[in-house]
Amino acid sequence: DAKNSSYANSPFVLFQPAFSPKIKMFKATVNLEKRNVLLNWKNDNNNVYNYTLYKAKGDEPLRVLKTLDAKTTSFTDAELYPNNQYRYTIKATLNSGTESKMSDVVEVSF
């Protein structure tokens, strides 16, 4: 009755996917002499804000190990105990806030 009206500020809405593709190249190398595991990855997306590494011992659930900046492409894990299985995975957070899916899990015996 009051003839109130409003107009949209933007003529269109941009939708983004919920997740970006996972990091496909993620590997772990065990160094028994130095008692560590070297994790390496490569990501083709240039809009990465940071990476989040996850780790689990045995059948335990994955937990955040470390958050690293976008320029980092490797990490050395020295917090290991002999005669254990470890699992690692990684995901990227993009500048837009979108996260990648988790990479394939890498398993190592130490």
N, C-alpha and C. Protein backbone atom coordinates (compact mmCIF):
# COMPACT_ATOMS: atom_id res chain seq x y z
N ASP A 1 0.81 -1.19 0.00
CA ASP A 1 0.00 0.00 0.00
C ASP A 1 0.86 1.27 0.00
N ALA A 2 2.04 1.20 0.67
CA ALA A 2 2.91 2.37 0.77
C ALA A 2 3.73 2.57 -0.50
N LYS A 3 3.67 1.60 -1.43
CA LYS A 3 4.39 1.65 -2.70
C LYS A 3 5.91 1.75 -2.50
N ASN A 4 6.43 1.07 -1.43
CA ASN A 4 7.87 0.99 -1.21
C ASN A 4 8.46 0.01 -2.20
N SER A 5 9.66 0.29 -2.71
CA SER A 5 10.33 -0.61 -3.64
C SER A 5 11.83 -0.45 -3.48
N SER A 6 12.56 -1.44 -3.96
CA SER A 6 14.03 -1.36 -3.93
C SER A 6 14.56 -2.05 -5.18
N TYR A 7 15.79 -1.75 -5.51
CA TYR A 7 16.43 -2.32 -6.68
C TYR A 7 17.72 -3.02 -6.25
N ALA A 8 18.06 -4.09 -6.94
CA ALA A 8 19.29 -4.81 -6.65
C ALA A 8 20.49 -3.98 -7.08
N ASN A 9 21.55 -4.03 -6.27
CA ASN A 9 22.79 -3.32 -6.60
C ASN A 9 23.57 -4.03 -7.70
N SER A 10 23.40 -5.32 -7.79
CA SER A 10 24.15 -6.13 -8.75
C SER A 10 23.18 -6.89 -9.65
N PRO A 11 23.38 -6.86 -10.95
CA PRO A 11 22.45 -7.55 -11.84
C PRO A 11 22.65 -9.07 -11.89
N PHE A 12 23.74 -9.58 -11.30
CA PHE A 12 23.99 -11.02 -11.36
C PHE A 12 24.64 -11.49 -10.06
N VAL A 13 24.59 -12.79 -9.82
CA VAL A 13 25.21 -13.41 -8.65
C VAL A 13 26.22 -14.43 -9.16
N LEU A 14 27.43 -14.37 -8.61
CA LEU A 14 28.49 -15.30 -8.99
C LEU A 14 28.59 -16.41 -7.96
N PHE A 15 28.43 -17.65 -8.40
CA PHE A 15 28.56 -18.80 -7.50
C PHE A 15 29.90 -19.47 -7.73
N GLN A 16 30.55 -19.87 -6.65
CA GLN A 16 31.82 -20.59 -6.73
C GLN A 16 31.60 -22.00 -6.21
N PRO A 17 32.39 -22.96 -6.71
CA PRO A 17 32.25 -24.33 -6.20
C PRO A 17 32.64 -24.38 -4.72
N ALA A 18 32.11 -25.36 -4.01
CA ALA A 18 32.40 -25.49 -2.58
C ALA A 18 33.85 -25.87 -2.32
N PHE A 19 34.45 -26.65 -3.23
CA PHE A 19 35.83 -27.10 -3.06
C PHE A 19 36.58 -26.91 -4.36
N SER A 20 37.89 -26.68 -4.24
CA SER A 20 38.75 -26.68 -5.43
C SER A 20 39.34 -28.08 -5.55
N PRO A 21 39.93 -28.42 -6.70
CA PRO A 21 40.50 -29.76 -6.87
C PRO A 21 41.60 -30.04 -5.85
N LYS A 22 41.76 -31.33 -5.52
CA LYS A 22 42.77 -31.72 -4.54
C LYS A 22 44.19 -31.60 -5.13
N ILE A 23 45.16 -31.55 -4.25
CA ILE A 23 46.57 -31.55 -4.65
C ILE A 23 46.90 -32.96 -5.10
N LYS A 24 47.33 -33.10 -6.34
CA LYS A 24 47.54 -34.43 -6.91
C LYS A 24 48.93 -34.99 -6.64
N MET A 25 49.94 -34.13 -6.55
CA MET A 25 51.30 -34.61 -6.31
C MET A 25 51.66 -34.35 -4.84
N PHE A 26 51.56 -35.40 -4.02
CA PHE A 26 51.91 -35.32 -2.60
C PHE A 26 52.62 -36.61 -2.25
N LYS A 27 53.87 -36.51 -1.77
CA LYS A 27 54.62 -37.73 -1.47
C LYS A 27 55.41 -37.57 -0.18
N ALA A 28 55.78 -38.70 0.39
CA ALA A 28 56.55 -38.74 1.63
C ALA A 28 57.77 -39.62 1.43
N THR A 29 58.92 -39.16 1.94
CA THR A 29 60.17 -39.90 1.85
C THR A 29 60.72 -40.09 3.25
N VAL A 30 60.95 -41.34 3.65
CA VAL A 30 61.47 -41.66 4.98
C VAL A 30 62.99 -41.62 4.94
N ASN A 31 63.59 -40.96 5.93
CA ASN A 31 65.04 -40.95 6.09
C ASN A 31 65.34 -41.51 7.48
N LEU A 32 65.73 -42.80 7.53
CA LEU A 32 65.97 -43.46 8.81
C LEU A 32 67.21 -42.92 9.51
N GLU A 33 68.21 -42.52 8.75
CA GLU A 33 69.43 -41.99 9.37
C GLU A 33 69.16 -40.68 10.10
N LYS A 34 68.39 -39.80 9.49
CA LYS A 34 68.06 -38.51 10.12
C LYS A 34 66.82 -38.58 11.00
N ARG A 35 66.15 -39.74 10.98
CA ARG A 35 64.95 -39.98 11.78
C ARG A 35 63.85 -38.97 11.48
N ASN A 36 63.53 -38.82 10.18
CA ASN A 36 62.47 -37.90 9.80
C ASN A 36 61.76 -38.37 8.53
N VAL A 37 60.68 -37.68 8.22
CA VAL A 37 59.92 -37.91 6.99
C VAL A 37 59.84 -36.58 6.26
N LEU A 38 60.26 -36.57 5.01
CA LEU A 38 60.19 -35.37 4.18
C LEU A 38 58.92 -35.45 3.34
N LEU A 39 58.07 -34.45 3.47
CA LEU A 39 56.83 -34.36 2.70
C LEU A 39 57.01 -33.32 1.62
N ASN A 40 56.66 -33.67 0.38
CA ASN A 40 56.75 -32.76 -0.77
C ASN A 40 55.41 -32.72 -1.49
N TRP A 41 55.09 -31.57 -2.05
CA TRP A 41 53.86 -31.44 -2.83
C TRP A 41 54.04 -30.40 -3.92
N LYS A 42 53.17 -30.49 -4.90
CA LYS A 42 53.14 -29.53 -5.99
C LYS A 42 51.68 -29.23 -6.29
N ASN A 43 51.37 -27.94 -6.41
CA ASN A 43 50.01 -27.53 -6.68
C ASN A 43 50.02 -26.59 -7.88
N ASP A 44 49.15 -26.81 -8.83
CA ASP A 44 49.10 -25.98 -10.04
C ASP A 44 48.29 -24.70 -9.85
N ASN A 45 47.56 -24.57 -8.76
CA ASN A 45 46.74 -23.39 -8.52
C ASN A 45 47.61 -22.26 -7.97
N ASN A 46 47.57 -21.09 -8.60
CA ASN A 46 48.39 -19.95 -8.19
C ASN A 46 47.72 -19.07 -7.15
N ASN A 47 46.50 -19.37 -6.78
CA ASN A 47 45.75 -18.53 -5.84
C ASN A 47 45.73 -19.09 -4.43
N VAL A 48 46.79 -19.82 -4.03
CA VAL A 48 46.82 -20.46 -2.72
C VAL A 48 47.19 -19.45 -1.64
N TYR A 49 46.43 -19.46 -0.55
CA TYR A 49 46.73 -18.62 0.60
C TYR A 49 47.64 -19.37 1.58
N ASN A 50 47.28 -20.64 1.89
CA ASN A 50 48.14 -21.47 2.74
C ASN A 50 47.82 -22.95 2.53
N TYR A 51 48.67 -23.79 3.12
CA TYR A 51 48.50 -25.23 3.10
C TYR A 51 48.32 -25.73 4.53
N THR A 52 47.50 -26.76 4.69
CA THR A 52 47.32 -27.39 5.99
C THR A 52 47.69 -28.86 5.87
N LEU A 53 48.70 -29.27 6.66
CA LEU A 53 49.14 -30.67 6.69
C LEU A 53 48.44 -31.40 7.82
N TYR A 54 48.08 -32.65 7.57
CA TYR A 54 47.45 -33.49 8.58
C TYR A 54 48.29 -34.75 8.77
N LYS A 55 48.27 -35.27 10.00
CA LYS A 55 49.06 -36.46 10.34
C LYS A 55 48.26 -37.35 11.28
N ALA A 56 48.49 -38.66 11.14
CA ALA A 56 47.89 -39.62 12.07
C ALA A 56 48.89 -40.75 12.30
N LYS A 57 48.90 -41.26 13.52
CA LYS A 57 49.74 -42.42 13.85
C LYS A 57 48.84 -43.63 13.96
N GLY A 58 49.18 -44.68 13.25
CA GLY A 58 48.38 -45.91 13.29
C GLY A 58 46.96 -45.67 12.83
N ASP A 59 46.00 -46.10 13.65
CA ASP A 59 44.58 -45.96 13.32
C ASP A 59 43.95 -44.70 13.92
N GLU A 60 44.77 -43.84 14.50
CA GLU A 60 44.23 -42.61 15.08
C GLU A 60 43.65 -41.72 13.98
N PRO A 61 42.72 -40.83 14.34
CA PRO A 61 42.18 -39.91 13.33
C PRO A 61 43.23 -38.87 12.92
N LEU A 62 43.09 -38.37 11.70
CA LEU A 62 44.00 -37.33 11.22
C LEU A 62 43.81 -36.06 12.04
N ARG A 63 44.94 -35.41 12.35
CA ARG A 63 44.92 -34.14 13.08
C ARG A 63 45.82 -33.15 12.37
N VAL A 64 45.55 -31.87 12.58
CA VAL A 64 46.38 -30.83 11.95
C VAL A 64 47.80 -30.94 12.49
N LEU A 65 48.75 -31.05 11.59
CA LEU A 65 50.16 -31.09 11.94
C LEU A 65 50.77 -29.70 11.87
N LYS A 66 50.49 -28.99 10.77
CA LYS A 66 51.12 -27.69 10.55
C LYS A 66 50.36 -26.93 9.47
N THR A 67 50.29 -25.61 9.61
CA THR A 67 49.77 -24.74 8.56
C THR A 67 50.95 -23.96 8.01
N LEU A 68 51.11 -23.99 6.68
CA LEU A 68 52.27 -23.39 6.02
C LEU A 68 51.85 -22.38 4.97
N ASP A 69 52.71 -21.40 4.71
CA ASP A 69 52.36 -20.37 3.74
C ASP A 69 52.36 -20.91 2.31
N ALA A 70 51.85 -20.14 1.39
CA ALA A 70 51.63 -20.58 0.01
C ALA A 70 52.92 -20.87 -0.75
N LYS A 71 54.03 -20.29 -0.34
CA LYS A 71 55.30 -20.50 -1.05
C LYS A 71 55.98 -21.80 -0.67
N THR A 72 55.56 -22.41 0.41
CA THR A 72 56.19 -23.63 0.91
C THR A 72 55.72 -24.85 0.11
N THR A 73 56.66 -25.70 -0.27
CA THR A 73 56.31 -26.92 -1.01
C THR A 73 56.89 -28.18 -0.37
N SER A 74 57.42 -28.06 0.85
CA SER A 74 57.93 -29.23 1.56
C SER A 74 57.91 -28.98 3.06
N PHE A 75 57.93 -30.08 3.81
CA PHE A 75 57.96 -30.00 5.27
C PHE A 75 58.64 -31.26 5.79
N THR A 76 59.48 -31.12 6.82
CA THR A 76 60.16 -32.25 7.43
C THR A 76 59.54 -32.52 8.79
N ASP A 77 59.01 -33.73 8.95
CA ASP A 77 58.42 -34.15 10.22
C ASP A 77 59.43 -34.99 10.97
N ALA A 78 59.88 -34.49 12.13
CA ALA A 78 60.86 -35.21 12.94
C ALA A 78 60.25 -35.75 14.23
N GLU A 79 58.96 -35.55 14.43
CA GLU A 79 58.29 -36.06 15.62
C GLU A 79 57.74 -37.46 15.33
N LEU A 80 58.65 -38.44 15.35
CA LEU A 80 58.30 -39.80 14.98
C LEU A 80 58.81 -40.78 16.04
N TYR A 81 58.11 -41.89 16.15
CA TYR A 81 58.51 -42.95 17.07
C TYR A 81 58.70 -44.24 16.28
N PRO A 82 59.78 -44.99 16.56
CA PRO A 82 60.05 -46.22 15.79
C PRO A 82 58.91 -47.23 15.87
N ASN A 83 58.86 -48.06 14.85
CA ASN A 83 57.89 -49.15 14.74
C ASN A 83 56.44 -48.67 14.69
N ASN A 84 56.22 -47.59 13.96
CA ASN A 84 54.87 -47.05 13.81
C ASN A 84 54.56 -46.78 12.34
N GLN A 85 53.28 -46.79 12.04
CA GLN A 85 52.76 -46.39 10.73
C GLN A 85 52.25 -44.96 10.87
N TYR A 86 52.56 -44.12 9.89
CA TYR A 86 52.07 -42.75 9.88
C TYR A 86 51.33 -42.48 8.58
N ARG A 87 50.28 -41.67 8.68
CA ARG A 87 49.51 -41.26 7.51
C ARG A 87 49.54 -39.74 7.43
N TYR A 88 49.68 -39.24 6.20
CA TYR A 88 49.71 -37.80 5.97
C TYR A 88 48.77 -37.44 4.83
N THR A 89 48.21 -36.25 4.91
CA THR A 89 47.43 -35.68 3.81
C THR A 89 47.56 -34.15 3.88
N ILE A 90 47.15 -33.48 2.82
CA ILE A 90 47.30 -32.03 2.75
C ILE A 90 46.11 -31.43 2.01
N LYS A 91 45.80 -30.18 2.36
CA LYS A 91 44.80 -29.44 1.59
C LYS A 91 45.27 -27.99 1.48
N ALA A 92 44.76 -27.30 0.48
CA ALA A 92 45.10 -25.90 0.25
C ALA A 92 43.89 -25.03 0.55
N THR A 93 44.16 -23.84 1.09
CA THR A 93 43.13 -22.82 1.24
C THR A 93 43.47 -21.71 0.26
N LEU A 94 42.51 -21.36 -0.58
CA LEU A 94 42.73 -20.35 -1.61
C LEU A 94 42.49 -18.95 -1.06
N ASN A 95 42.95 -17.95 -1.79
CA ASN A 95 42.76 -16.55 -1.39
C ASN A 95 41.28 -16.20 -1.22
N SER A 96 40.41 -16.87 -1.96
CA SER A 96 38.97 -16.62 -1.88
C SER A 96 38.34 -17.24 -0.63
N GLY A 97 39.10 -18.08 0.09
CA GLY A 97 38.57 -18.78 1.26
C GLY A 97 38.13 -20.19 0.94
N THR A 98 38.02 -20.53 -0.33
CA THR A 98 37.65 -21.88 -0.74
C THR A 98 38.79 -22.84 -0.39
N GLU A 99 38.45 -24.03 0.07
CA GLU A 99 39.45 -25.03 0.39
C GLU A 99 39.44 -26.13 -0.66
N SER A 100 40.62 -26.73 -0.87
CA SER A 100 40.69 -27.87 -1.76
C SER A 100 40.21 -29.10 -1.01
N LYS A 101 39.93 -30.14 -1.75
CA LYS A 101 39.66 -31.42 -1.12
C LYS A 101 40.98 -31.96 -0.58
N MET A 102 40.91 -32.88 0.36
CA MET A 102 42.12 -33.49 0.92
C MET A 102 42.82 -34.29 -0.18
N SER A 103 44.14 -34.27 -0.16
CA SER A 103 44.91 -35.08 -1.11
C SER A 103 44.74 -36.55 -0.75
N ASP A 104 45.22 -37.42 -1.62
CA ASP A 104 45.26 -38.84 -1.29
C ASP A 104 46.16 -39.02 -0.07
N VAL A 105 45.81 -39.95 0.80
CA VAL A 105 46.59 -40.19 2.01
C VAL A 105 47.86 -40.94 1.64
N VAL A 106 48.99 -40.48 2.21
CA VAL A 106 50.28 -41.13 2.01
C VAL A 106 50.63 -41.85 3.30
N GLU A 107 50.99 -43.13 3.22
CA GLU A 107 51.34 -43.90 4.40
C GLU A 107 52.82 -44.24 4.39
N VAL A 108 53.44 -44.16 5.57
CA VAL A 108 54.86 -44.52 5.71
C VAL A 108 55.04 -45.37 6.95
N SER A 109 56.03 -46.23 6.92
CA SER A 109 56.42 -47.02 8.08
C SER A 109 57.73 -46.45 8.60
N PHE A 110 57.80 -46.26 9.91
CA PHE A 110 59.01 -45.71 10.47
C PHE A 110 59.51 -46.62 11.57
